[in-house]
């Protein structure tokens, strides 16, 4: 008789996510790899993650690469760094768009004023 089978008298419960039978002492399901108790989740801190010089370069000068870089960091396990990179990239992209729109409107207004002055 196989003593490793789930019905061999072990205290079993069901995974709260995939409903597969697991040991009650297991903190992570061996089938879906999810934590059974939210208190067992690893603590992620944005303070512990630092952005490198290349991250800041992407944020300031190449916003179109910021989101893909954040996705790469996220899937490589650097979730806090990915969150920072995504938030900063989004913030500076919005700032650049707003400043471009305001500069563009100032420039067009200036051109209109110059045309009116030259007409008279």
PDB file of N, CA and C in Angstrom:
ATOM      1  N   UNK A   1       0.842  -1.192   0.000  1.00  0.00           N
ATOM      2  CA  UNK A   1       0.000   0.000   0.000  1.00  0.00           C
ATOM      3  C   UNK A   1       0.878   1.243   0.000  1.00  0.00           C
ATOM      4  N   UNK A   2       0.552   2.218  -0.779  1.00  0.00           N
ATOM      5  CA  UNK A   2       1.320   3.451  -0.899  1.00  0.00           C
ATOM      6  C   UNK A   2       0.986   4.370   0.263  1.00  0.00           C
ATOM      7  N   UNK A   3       1.995   4.741   1.056  1.00  0.00           N
ATOM      8  CA  UNK A   3       1.763   5.610   2.216  1.00  0.00           C
ATOM      9  C   UNK A   3       1.794   7.077   1.840  1.00  0.00           C
ATOM     10  N   UNK A   4       2.141   7.384   0.608  1.00  0.00           N
ATOM     11  CA  UNK A   4       2.194   8.776   0.172  1.00  0.00           C
ATOM     12  C   UNK A   4       0.886   9.247  -0.452  1.00  0.00           C
ATOM     13  N   UNK A   5      -0.093   8.390  -0.538  1.00  0.00           N
ATOM     14  CA  UNK A   5      -1.358   8.802  -1.138  1.00  0.00           C
ATOM     15  C   UNK A   5      -2.093   9.761  -0.213  1.00  0.00           C
ATOM     16  N   UNK A   6      -2.912  10.650  -0.743  1.00  0.00           N
ATOM     17  CA  UNK A   6      -3.584  11.648   0.075  1.00  0.00           C
ATOM     18  C   UNK A   6      -4.582  11.055   1.066  1.00  0.00           C
ATOM     19  N   UNK A   7      -4.977   9.822   0.860  1.00  0.00           N
ATOM     20  CA  UNK A   7      -5.971   9.225   1.759  1.00  0.00           C
ATOM     21  C   UNK A   7      -5.342   8.372   2.840  1.00  0.00           C
ATOM     22  N   UNK A   8      -4.034   8.508   3.082  1.00  0.00           N
ATOM     23  CA  UNK A   8      -3.363   7.640   4.044  1.00  0.00           C
ATOM     24  C   UNK A   8      -3.449   8.176   5.469  1.00  0.00           C
ATOM     25  N   UNK A   9      -4.448   8.920   5.811  1.00  0.00           N
ATOM     26  CA  UNK A   9      -4.644   9.383   7.180  1.00  0.00           C
ATOM     27  C   UNK A   9      -4.058  10.748   7.467  1.00  0.00           C
ATOM     28  N   UNK A  10      -3.501  11.423   6.484  1.00  0.00           N
ATOM     29  CA  UNK A  10      -2.965  12.761   6.710  1.00  0.00           C
ATOM     30  C   UNK A  10      -4.121  13.735   6.897  1.00  0.00           C
ATOM     31  N   UNK A  11      -3.862  14.808   7.611  1.00  0.00           N
ATOM     32  CA  UNK A  11      -4.877  15.857   7.752  1.00  0.00           C
ATOM     33  C   UNK A  11      -4.918  16.648   6.452  1.00  0.00           C
ATOM     34  N   UNK A  12      -5.988  16.484   5.708  1.00  0.00           N
ATOM     35  CA  UNK A  12      -6.112  17.136   4.412  1.00  0.00           C
ATOM     36  C   UNK A  12      -7.186  18.205   4.445  1.00  0.00           C
ATOM     37  N   UNK A  13      -6.988  19.164   3.601  1.00  0.00           N
ATOM     38  CA  UNK A  13      -7.977  20.204   3.369  1.00  0.00           C
ATOM     39  C   UNK A  13      -7.959  20.503   1.879  1.00  0.00           C
ATOM     40  N   UNK A  14      -8.776  21.406   1.456  1.00  0.00           N
ATOM     41  CA  UNK A  14      -8.801  21.775   0.035  1.00  0.00           C
ATOM     42  C   UNK A  14      -8.227  23.169  -0.132  1.00  0.00           C
ATOM     43  N   UNK A  15      -7.519  23.352  -1.249  1.00  0.00           N
ATOM     44  CA  UNK A  15      -6.951  24.662  -1.579  1.00  0.00           C
ATOM     45  C   UNK A  15      -8.090  25.658  -1.755  1.00  0.00           C
ATOM     46  N   UNK A  16      -7.882  26.843  -1.205  1.00  0.00           N
ATOM     47  CA  UNK A  16      -8.931  27.862  -1.313  1.00  0.00           C
ATOM     48  C   UNK A  16      -9.033  28.451  -2.713  1.00  0.00           C
ATOM     49  N   UNK A  17      -8.054  28.158  -3.577  1.00  0.00           N
ATOM     50  CA  UNK A  17      -8.052  28.721  -4.915  1.00  0.00           C
ATOM     51  C   UNK A  17      -8.446  27.703  -5.985  1.00  0.00           C
ATOM     52  N   UNK A  18      -7.795  26.513  -5.956  1.00  0.00           N
ATOM     53  CA  UNK A  18      -8.060  25.532  -7.014  1.00  0.00           C
ATOM     54  C   UNK A  18      -8.835  24.312  -6.511  1.00  0.00           C
ATOM     55  N   UNK A  19      -9.095  24.257  -5.221  1.00  0.00           N
ATOM     56  CA  UNK A  19      -9.902  23.205  -4.588  1.00  0.00           C
ATOM     57  C   UNK A  19      -9.248  21.826  -4.646  1.00  0.00           C
ATOM     58  N   UNK A  20      -7.939  21.780  -4.893  1.00  0.00           N
ATOM     59  CA  UNK A  20      -7.221  20.511  -4.891  1.00  0.00           C
ATOM     60  C   UNK A  20      -6.928  20.093  -3.455  1.00  0.00           C
ATOM     61  N   UNK A  21      -6.845  18.786  -3.167  1.00  0.00           N
ATOM     62  CA  UNK A  21      -6.525  18.349  -1.806  1.00  0.00           C
ATOM     63  C   UNK A  21      -5.069  18.646  -1.461  1.00  0.00           C
ATOM     64  N   UNK A  22      -4.858  19.297  -0.321  1.00  0.00           N
ATOM     65  CA  UNK A  22      -3.510  19.604   0.160  1.00  0.00           C
ATOM     66  C   UNK A  22      -3.455  19.331   1.653  1.00  0.00           C
ATOM     67  N   UNK A  23      -2.248  19.241   2.201  1.00  0.00           N
ATOM     68  CA  UNK A  23      -2.075  19.062   3.637  1.00  0.00           C
ATOM     69  C   UNK A  23      -2.475  20.349   4.345  1.00  0.00           C
ATOM     70  N   UNK A  24      -3.016  20.229   5.536  1.00  0.00           N
ATOM     71  CA  UNK A  24      -3.413  21.427   6.280  1.00  0.00           C
ATOM     72  C   UNK A  24      -2.220  22.279   6.656  1.00  0.00           C
ATOM     73  N   UNK A  25      -1.062  21.663   6.829  1.00  0.00           N
ATOM     74  CA  UNK A  25       0.130  22.418   7.228  1.00  0.00           C
ATOM     75  C   UNK A  25       0.760  23.183   6.074  1.00  0.00           C
ATOM     76  N   UNK A  26       0.373  22.860   4.845  1.00  0.00           N
ATOM     77  CA  UNK A  26       0.953  23.535   3.683  1.00  0.00           C
ATOM     78  C   UNK A  26       0.496  24.984   3.627  1.00  0.00           C
ATOM     79  N   UNK A  27       1.461  25.874   3.432  1.00  0.00           N
ATOM     80  CA  UNK A  27       1.131  27.295   3.294  1.00  0.00           C
ATOM     81  C   UNK A  27       0.880  27.667   1.832  1.00  0.00           C
ATOM     82  N   UNK A  28       1.487  26.898   0.919  1.00  0.00           N
ATOM     83  CA  UNK A  28       1.347  27.145  -0.511  1.00  0.00           C
ATOM     84  C   UNK A  28       0.824  25.871  -1.159  1.00  0.00           C
ATOM     85  N   UNK A  29      -0.160  26.001  -2.030  1.00  0.00           N
ATOM     86  CA  UNK A  29      -0.711  24.852  -2.738  1.00  0.00           C
ATOM     87  C   UNK A  29       0.320  24.321  -3.729  1.00  0.00           C
ATOM     88  N   UNK A  30       0.509  22.997  -3.749  1.00  0.00           N
ATOM     89  CA  UNK A  30       1.487  22.419  -4.671  1.00  0.00           C
ATOM     90  C   UNK A  30       0.955  22.348  -6.101  1.00  0.00           C
ATOM     91  N   UNK A  31      -0.330  22.586  -6.273  1.00  0.00           N
ATOM     92  CA  UNK A  31      -0.928  22.525  -7.605  1.00  0.00           C
ATOM     93  C   UNK A  31      -0.955  23.899  -8.280  1.00  0.00           C
ATOM     94  N   UNK A  32      -1.487  24.897  -7.583  1.00  0.00           N
ATOM     95  CA  UNK A  32      -1.623  26.230  -8.203  1.00  0.00           C
ATOM     96  C   UNK A  32      -0.610  27.234  -7.655  1.00  0.00           C
ATOM     97  N   UNK A  33       0.162  26.836  -6.639  1.00  0.00           N
ATOM     98  CA  UNK A  33       1.228  27.656  -6.053  1.00  0.00           C
ATOM     99  C   UNK A  33       0.725  28.957  -5.432  1.00  0.00           C
ATOM    100  N   UNK A  34      -0.500  28.947  -4.941  1.00  0.00           N
ATOM    101  CA  UNK A  34      -1.065  30.122  -4.272  1.00  0.00           C
ATOM    102  C   UNK A  34      -0.964  29.952  -2.759  1.00  0.00           C
ATOM    103  N   UNK A  35      -0.787  31.090  -2.064  1.00  0.00           N
ATOM    104  CA  UNK A  35      -0.757  31.081  -0.601  1.00  0.00           C
ATOM    105  C   UNK A  35      -2.166  30.821  -0.075  1.00  0.00           C
ATOM    106  N   UNK A  36      -2.253  30.021   0.969  1.00  0.00           N
ATOM    107  CA  UNK A  36      -3.551  29.679   1.544  1.00  0.00           C
ATOM    108  C   UNK A  36      -4.030  30.740   2.515  1.00  0.00           C
ATOM    109  N   UNK A  37      -3.111  31.427   3.163  1.00  0.00           N
ATOM    110  CA  UNK A  37      -3.452  32.490   4.104  1.00  0.00           C
ATOM    111  C   UNK A  37      -2.790  33.783   3.634  1.00  0.00           C
ATOM    112  N   UNK A  38      -3.544  34.836   3.544  1.00  0.00           N
ATOM    113  CA  UNK A  38      -2.989  36.106   3.052  1.00  0.00           C
ATOM    114  C   UNK A  38      -1.913  36.659   3.969  1.00  0.00           C
ATOM    115  N   UNK A  39      -1.911  36.244   5.245  1.00  0.00           N
ATOM    116  CA  UNK A  39      -0.876  36.700   6.180  1.00  0.00           C
ATOM    117  C   UNK A  39       0.477  36.079   5.876  1.00  0.00           C
ATOM    118  N   UNK A  40       0.505  34.996   5.100  1.00  0.00           N
ATOM    119  CA  UNK A  40       1.758  34.335   4.743  1.00  0.00           C
ATOM    120  C   UNK A  40       2.414  34.938   3.509  1.00  0.00           C
ATOM    121  N   UNK A  41       1.723  35.854   2.838  1.00  0.00           N
ATOM    122  CA  UNK A  41       2.292  36.490   1.644  1.00  0.00           C
ATOM    123  C   UNK A  41       3.567  37.235   2.003  1.00  0.00           C
ATOM    124  N   UNK A  42       4.578  37.191   1.145  1.00  0.00           N
ATOM    125  CA  UNK A  42       5.795  37.956   1.425  1.00  0.00           C
ATOM    126  C   UNK A  42       5.504  39.452   1.383  1.00  0.00           C
ATOM    127  N   UNK A  43       6.115  40.167   2.284  1.00  0.00           N
ATOM    128  CA  UNK A  43       5.908  41.608   2.364  1.00  0.00           C
ATOM    129  C   UNK A  43       6.741  42.300   1.288  1.00  0.00           C
ATOM    130  N   UNK A  44       6.095  43.150   0.511  1.00  0.00           N
ATOM    131  CA  UNK A  44       6.765  43.896  -0.551  1.00  0.00           C
ATOM    132  C   UNK A  44       6.773  45.356  -0.147  1.00  0.00           C
ATOM    133  N   UNK A  45       7.939  45.950  -0.196  1.00  0.00           N
ATOM    134  CA  UNK A  45       8.064  47.350   0.186  1.00  0.00           C
ATOM    135  C   UNK A  45       8.628  48.137  -0.980  1.00  0.00           C
ATOM    136  N   UNK A  46       8.010  49.258  -1.263  1.00  0.00           N
ATOM    137  CA  UNK A  46       8.540  50.134  -2.308  1.00  0.00           C
ATOM    138  C   UNK A  46       9.798  50.856  -1.852  1.00  0.00           C
ATOM    139  N   UNK A  47      10.003  50.926  -0.534  1.00  0.00           N
ATOM    140  CA  UNK A  47      11.171  51.611  -0.008  1.00  0.00           C
ATOM    141  C   UNK A  47      12.436  50.811  -0.297  1.00  0.00           C
ATOM    142  N   UNK A  48      12.331  49.471  -0.265  1.00  0.00           N
ATOM    143  CA  UNK A  48      13.502  48.628  -0.453  1.00  0.00           C
ATOM    144  C   UNK A  48      13.974  48.578  -1.902  1.00  0.00           C
ATOM    145  N   UNK A  49      13.108  48.918  -2.831  1.00  0.00           N
ATOM    146  CA  UNK A  49      13.489  48.850  -4.231  1.00  0.00           C
ATOM    147  C   UNK A  49      14.052  50.192  -4.673  1.00  0.00           C
ATOM    148  N   UNK A  50      15.157  50.119  -5.364  1.00  0.00           N
ATOM    149  CA  UNK A  50      15.749  51.346  -5.886  1.00  0.00           C
ATOM    150  C   UNK A  50      15.774  51.262  -7.399  1.00  0.00           C
ATOM    151  N   UNK A  51      15.640  52.405  -8.018  1.00  0.00           N
ATOM    152  CA  UNK A  51      15.714  52.477  -9.472  1.00  0.00           C
ATOM    153  C   UNK A  51      17.143  52.792  -9.876  1.00  0.00           C
ATOM    154  N   UNK A  52      17.607  52.102 -10.906  1.00  0.00           N
ATOM    155  CA  UNK A  52      18.974  52.306 -11.371  1.00  0.00           C
ATOM    156  C   UNK A  52      19.050  53.576 -12.228  1.00  0.00           C
ATOM    157  N   UNK A  53      20.260  53.939 -12.577  1.00  0.00           N
ATOM    158  CA  UNK A  53      20.476  55.102 -13.433  1.00  0.00           C
ATOM    159  C   UNK A  53      19.809  54.897 -14.792  1.00  0.00           C
ATOM    160  N   UNK A  54      19.878  53.677 -15.310  1.00  0.00           N
ATOM    161  CA  UNK A  54      19.235  53.415 -16.605  1.00  0.00           C
ATOM    162  C   UNK A  54      17.713  53.524 -16.496  1.00  0.00           C
ATOM    163  N   UNK A  55      17.139  53.143 -15.328  1.00  0.00           N
ATOM    164  CA  UNK A  55      15.702  53.316 -15.124  1.00  0.00           C
ATOM    165  C   UNK A  55      15.326  54.794 -15.170  1.00  0.00           C
ATOM    166  N   UNK A  56      16.115  55.633 -14.497  1.00  0.00           N
ATOM    167  CA  UNK A  56      15.826  57.067 -14.488  1.00  0.00           C
ATOM    168  C   UNK A  56      16.007  57.665 -15.880  1.00  0.00           C
ATOM    169  N   UNK A  57      16.987  57.179 -16.641  1.00  0.00           N
ATOM    170  CA  UNK A  57      17.181  57.652 -18.006  1.00  0.00           C
ATOM    171  C   UNK A  57      15.953  57.342 -18.847  1.00  0.00           C
ATOM    172  N   UNK A  58      15.433  56.124 -18.689  1.00  0.00           N
ATOM    173  CA  UNK A  58      14.217  55.737 -19.419  1.00  0.00           C
ATOM    174  C   UNK A  58      13.045  56.622 -19.011  1.00  0.00           C
ATOM    175  N   UNK A  59      12.915  56.882 -17.718  1.00  0.00           N
ATOM    176  CA  UNK A  59      11.795  57.694 -17.220  1.00  0.00           C
ATOM    177  C   UNK A  59      11.828  59.098 -17.819  1.00  0.00           C
ATOM    178  N   UNK A  60      13.001  59.726 -17.853  1.00  0.00           N
ATOM    179  CA  UNK A  60      13.081  61.113 -18.292  1.00  0.00           C
ATOM    180  C   UNK A  60      13.137  61.283 -19.807  1.00  0.00           C
ATOM    181  N   UNK A  61      13.825  60.397 -20.505  1.00  0.00           N
ATOM    182  CA  UNK A  61      14.097  60.658 -21.913  1.00  0.00           C
ATOM    183  C   UNK A  61      13.417  59.698 -22.886  1.00  0.00           C
ATOM    184  N   UNK A  62      13.031  58.517 -22.432  1.00  0.00           N
ATOM    185  CA  UNK A  62      12.441  57.542 -23.344  1.00  0.00           C
ATOM    186  C   UNK A  62      11.230  56.888 -22.690  1.00  0.00           C
ATOM    187  N   UNK A  63      10.160  57.653 -22.524  1.00  0.00           N
ATOM    188  CA  UNK A  63       8.973  57.138 -21.846  1.00  0.00           C
ATOM    189  C   UNK A  63       8.371  55.935 -22.562  1.00  0.00           C
ATOM    190  N   UNK A  64       8.519  55.861 -23.876  1.00  0.00           N
ATOM    191  CA  UNK A  64       7.933  54.747 -24.617  1.00  0.00           C
ATOM    192  C   UNK A  64       8.560  53.410 -24.226  1.00  0.00           C
ATOM    193  N   UNK A  65       9.737  53.424 -23.591  1.00  0.00           N
ATOM    194  CA  UNK A  65      10.368  52.190 -23.117  1.00  0.00           C
ATOM    195  C   UNK A  65      10.073  51.909 -21.647  1.00  0.00           C
ATOM    196  N   UNK A  66       9.488  52.866 -20.953  1.00  0.00           N
ATOM    197  CA  UNK A  66       9.253  52.706 -19.522  1.00  0.00           C
ATOM    198  C   UNK A  66       8.289  51.588 -19.187  1.00  0.00           C
ATOM    199  N   UNK A  67       7.187  51.504 -19.915  1.00  0.00           N
ATOM    200  CA  UNK A  67       6.181  50.477 -19.635  1.00  0.00           C
ATOM    201  C   UNK A  67       6.717  49.085 -19.971  1.00  0.00           C
ATOM    202  N   UNK A  68       7.340  48.876 -21.155  1.00  0.00           N
ATOM    203  CA  UNK A  68       7.921  47.546 -21.396  1.00  0.00           C
ATOM    204  C   UNK A  68       9.008  47.168 -20.384  1.00  0.00           C
ATOM    205  N   UNK A  69       9.813  48.141 -19.960  1.00  0.00           N
ATOM    206  CA  UNK A  69      10.834  47.847 -18.946  1.00  0.00           C
ATOM    207  C   UNK A  69      10.189  47.462 -17.621  1.00  0.00           C
ATOM    208  N   UNK A  70       9.093  48.113 -17.273  1.00  0.00           N
ATOM    209  CA  UNK A  70       8.379  47.767 -16.046  1.00  0.00           C
ATOM    210  C   UNK A  70       7.821  46.348 -16.135  1.00  0.00           C
ATOM    211  N   UNK A  71       7.318  45.970 -17.300  1.00  0.00           N
ATOM    212  CA  UNK A  71       6.795  44.612 -17.479  1.00  0.00           C
ATOM    213  C   UNK A  71       7.914  43.586 -17.338  1.00  0.00           C
ATOM    214  N   UNK A  72       9.086  43.872 -17.892  1.00  0.00           N
ATOM    215  CA  UNK A  72      10.225  42.964 -17.764  1.00  0.00           C
ATOM    216  C   UNK A  72      10.622  42.816 -16.297  1.00  0.00           C
ATOM    217  N   UNK A  73      10.707  43.933 -15.580  1.00  0.00           N
ATOM    218  CA  UNK A  73      11.040  43.863 -14.150  1.00  0.00           C
ATOM    219  C   UNK A  73       9.991  43.074 -13.376  1.00  0.00           C
ATOM    220  N   UNK A  74       8.717  43.260 -13.719  1.00  0.00           N
ATOM    221  CA  UNK A  74       7.632  42.574 -13.019  1.00  0.00           C
ATOM    222  C   UNK A  74       7.762  41.060 -13.173  1.00  0.00           C
ATOM    223  N   UNK A  75       7.971  40.599 -14.401  1.00  0.00           N
ATOM    224  CA  UNK A  75       8.042  39.156 -14.637  1.00  0.00           C
ATOM    225  C   UNK A  75       9.382  38.552 -14.235  1.00  0.00           C
ATOM    226  N   UNK A  76      10.390  39.386 -13.976  1.00  0.00           N
ATOM    227  CA  UNK A  76      11.652  38.845 -13.473  1.00  0.00           C
ATOM    228  C   UNK A  76      11.674  38.815 -11.950  1.00  0.00           C
ATOM    229  N   UNK A  77      10.548  39.146 -11.325  1.00  0.00           N
ATOM    230  CA  UNK A  77      10.444  39.042  -9.872  1.00  0.00           C
ATOM    231  C   UNK A  77      10.688  40.336  -9.121  1.00  0.00           C
ATOM    232  N   UNK A  78      10.961  41.422  -9.811  1.00  0.00           N
ATOM    233  CA  UNK A  78      11.229  42.705  -9.160  1.00  0.00           C
ATOM    234  C   UNK A  78       9.970  43.557  -9.214  1.00  0.00           C
ATOM    235  N   UNK A  79       8.941  43.100  -8.505  1.00  0.00           N
ATOM    236  CA  UNK A  79       7.622  43.729  -8.611  1.00  0.00           C
ATOM    237  C   UNK A  79       7.608  45.149  -8.053  1.00  0.00           C
ATOM    238  N   UNK A  80       8.286  45.382  -6.951  1.00  0.00           N
ATOM    239  CA  UNK A  80       8.293  46.729  -6.374  1.00  0.00           C
ATOM    240  C   UNK A  80       9.006  47.708  -7.307  1.00  0.00           C
ATOM    241  N   UNK A  81      10.119  47.264  -7.904  1.00  0.00           N
ATOM    242  CA  UNK A  81      10.843  48.116  -8.849  1.00  0.00           C
ATOM    243  C   UNK A  81       9.986  48.379 -10.080  1.00  0.00           C
ATOM    244  N   UNK A  82       9.256  47.371 -10.535  1.00  0.00           N
ATOM    245  CA  UNK A  82       8.371  47.529 -11.691  1.00  0.00           C
ATOM    246  C   UNK A  82       7.262  48.533 -11.397  1.00  0.00           C
ATOM    247  N   UNK A  83       6.712  48.481 -10.187  1.00  0.00           N
ATOM    248  CA  UNK A  83       5.652  49.428  -9.822  1.00  0.00           C
ATOM    249  C   UNK A  83       6.173  50.851  -9.829  1.00  0.00           C
ATOM    250  N   UNK A  84       7.359  51.059  -9.250  1.00  0.00           N
ATOM    251  CA  UNK A  84       7.939  52.402  -9.241  1.00  0.00           C
ATOM    252  C   UNK A  84       8.193  52.900 -10.654  1.00  0.00           C
ATOM    253  N   UNK A  85       8.793  52.040 -11.473  1.00  0.00           N
ATOM    254  CA  UNK A  85       9.121  52.435 -12.839  1.00  0.00           C
ATOM    255  C   UNK A  85       7.855  52.770 -13.613  1.00  0.00           C
ATOM    256  N   UNK A  86       6.815  51.974 -13.458  1.00  0.00           N
ATOM    257  CA  UNK A  86       5.559  52.224 -14.157  1.00  0.00           C
ATOM    258  C   UNK A  86       4.937  53.544 -13.701  1.00  0.00           C
ATOM    259  N   UNK A  87       4.867  53.775 -12.398  1.00  0.00           N
ATOM    260  CA  UNK A  87       4.242  54.990 -11.860  1.00  0.00           C
ATOM    261  C   UNK A  87       5.014  56.232 -12.288  1.00  0.00           C
ATOM    262  N   UNK A  88       6.346  56.210 -12.144  1.00  0.00           N
ATOM    263  CA  UNK A  88       7.140  57.374 -12.524  1.00  0.00           C
ATOM    264  C   UNK A  88       7.061  57.640 -14.024  1.00  0.00           C
ATOM    265  N   UNK A  89       7.113  56.581 -14.828  1.00  0.00           N
ATOM    266  CA  UNK A  89       7.020  56.752 -16.284  1.00  0.00           C
ATOM    267  C   UNK A  89       5.683  57.369 -16.663  1.00  0.00           C
ATOM    268  N   UNK A  90       4.623  56.853 -16.090  1.00  0.00           N
ATOM    269  CA  UNK A  90       3.294  57.390 -16.376  1.00  0.00           C
ATOM    270  C   UNK A  90       3.192  58.853 -15.942  1.00  0.00           C
ATOM    271  N   UNK A  91       3.693  59.163 -14.763  1.00  0.00           N
ATOM    272  CA  UNK A  91       3.647  60.537 -14.247  1.00  0.00           C
ATOM    273  C   UNK A  91       4.399  61.498 -15.168  1.00  0.00           C
ATOM    274  N   UNK A  92       5.647  61.156 -15.520  1.00  0.00           N
ATOM    275  CA  UNK A  92       6.436  62.064 -16.349  1.00  0.00           C
ATOM    276  C   UNK A  92       5.906  62.140 -17.777  1.00  0.00           C
ATOM    277  N   UNK A  93       5.301  61.070 -18.269  1.00  0.00           N
ATOM    278  CA  UNK A  93       4.687  61.131 -19.591  1.00  0.00           C
ATOM    279  C   UNK A  93       3.535  62.124 -19.596  1.00  0.00           C
ATOM    280  N   UNK A  94       2.726  62.089 -18.562  1.00  0.00           N
ATOM    281  CA  UNK A  94       1.612  63.046 -18.448  1.00  0.00           C
ATOM    282  C   UNK A  94       2.143  64.473 -18.342  1.00  0.00           C
ATOM    283  N   UNK A  95       3.190  64.666 -17.539  1.00  0.00           N
ATOM    284  CA  UNK A  95       3.797  66.002 -17.395  1.00  0.00           C
ATOM    285  C   UNK A  95       4.319  66.489 -18.746  1.00  0.00           C
ATOM    286  N   UNK A  96       5.018  65.625 -19.489  1.00  0.00           N
ATOM    287  CA  UNK A  96       5.548  66.022 -20.796  1.00  0.00           C
ATOM    288  C   UNK A  96       4.431  66.367 -21.778  1.00  0.00           C
ATOM    289  N   UNK A  97       3.379  65.584 -21.775  1.00  0.00           N
ATOM    290  CA  UNK A  97       2.257  65.852 -22.688  1.00  0.00           C
ATOM    291  C   UNK A  97       1.612  67.191 -22.352  1.00  0.00           C
ATOM    292  N   UNK A  98       1.377  67.417 -21.059  1.00  0.00           N
ATOM    293  CA  UNK A  98       0.771  68.692 -20.653  1.00  0.00           C
ATOM    294  C   UNK A  98       1.671  69.877 -20.978  1.00  0.00           C
ATOM    295  N   UNK A  99       2.965  69.728 -20.748  1.00  0.00           N
ATOM    296  CA  UNK A  99       3.868  70.844 -21.053  1.00  0.00           C
ATOM    297  C   UNK A  99       3.951  71.071 -22.559  1.00  0.00           C
ATOM    298  N   UNK A 100       3.944  69.998 -23.350  1.00  0.00           N
ATOM    299  CA  UNK A 100       3.959  70.162 -24.802  1.00  0.00           C
ATOM    300  C   UNK A 100       2.709  70.882 -25.273  1.00  0.00           C
ATOM    301  N   UNK A 101       1.555  70.497 -24.722  1.00  0.00           N
ATOM    302  CA  UNK A 101       0.308  71.148 -25.121  1.00  0.00           C
ATOM    303  C   UNK A 101       0.301  72.620 -24.734  1.00  0.00           C
ATOM    304  N   UNK A 102       0.815  72.934 -23.552  1.00  0.00           N
ATOM    305  CA  UNK A 102       0.819  74.337 -23.130  1.00  0.00           C
ATOM    306  C   UNK A 102       1.820  75.150 -23.950  1.00  0.00           C
ATOM    307  N   UNK A 103       2.976  74.574 -24.249  1.00  0.00           N
ATOM    308  CA  UNK A 103       3.963  75.284 -25.073  1.00  0.00           C
ATOM    309  C   UNK A 103       3.409  75.476 -26.486  1.00  0.00           C
ATOM    310  N   UNK A 104       2.752  74.485 -26.998  1.00  0.00           N
ATOM    311  CA  UNK A 104       2.163  74.568 -28.327  1.00  0.00           C
ATOM    312  C   UNK A 104       1.090  75.659 -28.381  1.00  0.00           C
ATOM    313  N   UNK A 105       0.265  75.737 -27.344  1.00  0.00           N
ATOM    314  CA  UNK A 105      -0.775  76.774 -27.340  1.00  0.00           C
ATOM    315  C   UNK A 105      -0.160  78.164 -27.177  1.00  0.00           C
ATOM    316  N   UNK A 106       0.895  78.298 -26.386  1.00  0.00           N
ATOM    317  CA  UNK A 106       1.579  79.589 -26.239  1.00  0.00           C
ATOM    318  C   UNK A 106       2.197  79.997 -27.576  1.00  0.00           C
ATOM    319  N   UNK A 107       2.827  79.035 -28.251  1.00  0.00           N
ATOM    320  CA  UNK A 107       3.452  79.319 -29.532  1.00  0.00           C
ATOM    321  C   UNK A 107       2.417  79.734 -30.574  1.00  0.00           C
ATOM    322  N   UNK A 108       1.299  79.016 -30.639  1.00  0.00           N
ATOM    323  CA  UNK A 108       0.275  79.370 -31.631  1.00  0.00           C
ATOM    324  C   UNK A 108      -0.359  80.721 -31.307  1.00  0.00           C
ATOM    325  N   UNK A 109      -0.538  81.021 -30.034  1.00  0.00           N
ATOM    326  CA  UNK A 109      -1.083  82.323 -29.642  1.00  0.00           C
ATOM    327  C   UNK A 109      -0.118  83.442 -30.019  1.00  0.00           C
ATOM    328  N   UNK A 110       1.170  83.204 -29.809  1.00  0.00           N
ATOM    329  CA  UNK A 110       2.189  84.194 -30.167  1.00  0.00           C
ATOM    330  C   UNK A 110       2.188  84.438 -31.671  1.00  0.00           C
ATOM    331  N   UNK A 111       2.088  83.381 -32.454  1.00  0.00           N
ATOM    332  CA  UNK A 111       2.030  83.541 -33.910  1.00  0.00           C
ATOM    333  C   UNK A 111       0.802  84.339 -34.336  1.00  0.00           C
ATOM    334  N   UNK A 112      -0.342  84.102 -33.711  1.00  0.00           N
ATOM    335  CA  UNK A 112      -1.550  84.846 -34.049  1.00  0.00           C
ATOM    336  C   UNK A 112      -1.369  86.329 -33.722  1.00  0.00           C
ATOM    337  N   UNK A 113      -0.758  86.609 -32.597  1.00  0.00           N
ATOM    338  CA  UNK A 113      -0.547  88.014 -32.201  1.00  0.00           C
ATOM    339  C   UNK A 113       0.408  88.681 -33.193  1.00  0.00           C
ATOM    340  N   UNK A 114       1.472  87.974 -33.572  1.00  0.00           N
ATOM    341  CA  UNK A 114       2.442  88.548 -34.531  1.00  0.00           C
ATOM    342  C   UNK A 114       1.776  88.795 -35.888  1.00  0.00           C
ATOM    343  N   UNK A 115       0.924  87.904 -36.318  1.00  0.00           N
ATOM    344  CA  UNK A 115       0.212  88.111 -37.591  1.00  0.00           C
ATOM    345  C   UNK A 115      -0.701  89.314 -37.522  1.00  0.00           C
ATOM    346  N   UNK A 116      -1.361  89.482 -36.373  1.00  0.00           N
ATOM    347  CA  UNK A 116      -2.266  90.647 -36.222  1.00  0.00           C
ATOM    348  C   UNK A 116      -1.467  91.929 -36.206  1.00  0.00           C
ATOM    349  N   UNK A 117      -0.287  91.910 -35.589  1.00  0.00           N
ATOM    350  CA  UNK A 117       0.536  93.117 -35.549  1.00  0.00           C
ATOM    351  C   UNK A 117       1.059  93.438 -36.939  1.00  0.00           C
ATOM    352  N   UNK A 118       1.475  92.443 -37.687  1.00  0.00           N
ATOM    353  CA  UNK A 118       2.008  92.656 -39.036  1.00  0.00           C
ATOM    354  C   UNK A 118       0.937  93.111 -40.031  1.00  0.00           C
ATOM    355  N   UNK A 119      -0.315  92.753 -39.791  1.00  0.00           N
ATOM    356  CA  UNK A 119      -1.382  93.159 -40.691  1.00  0.00           C
ATOM    357  C   UNK A 119      -1.604  94.657 -40.624  1.00  0.00           C
ATOM    358  N   UNK A 120      -1.517  95.215 -39.439  1.00  0.00           N
ATOM    359  CA  UNK A 120      -1.781  96.658 -39.275  1.00  0.00           C
ATOM    360  C   UNK A 120      -0.632  97.480 -39.640  1.00  0.00           C
TER     361      UNK A 120
END
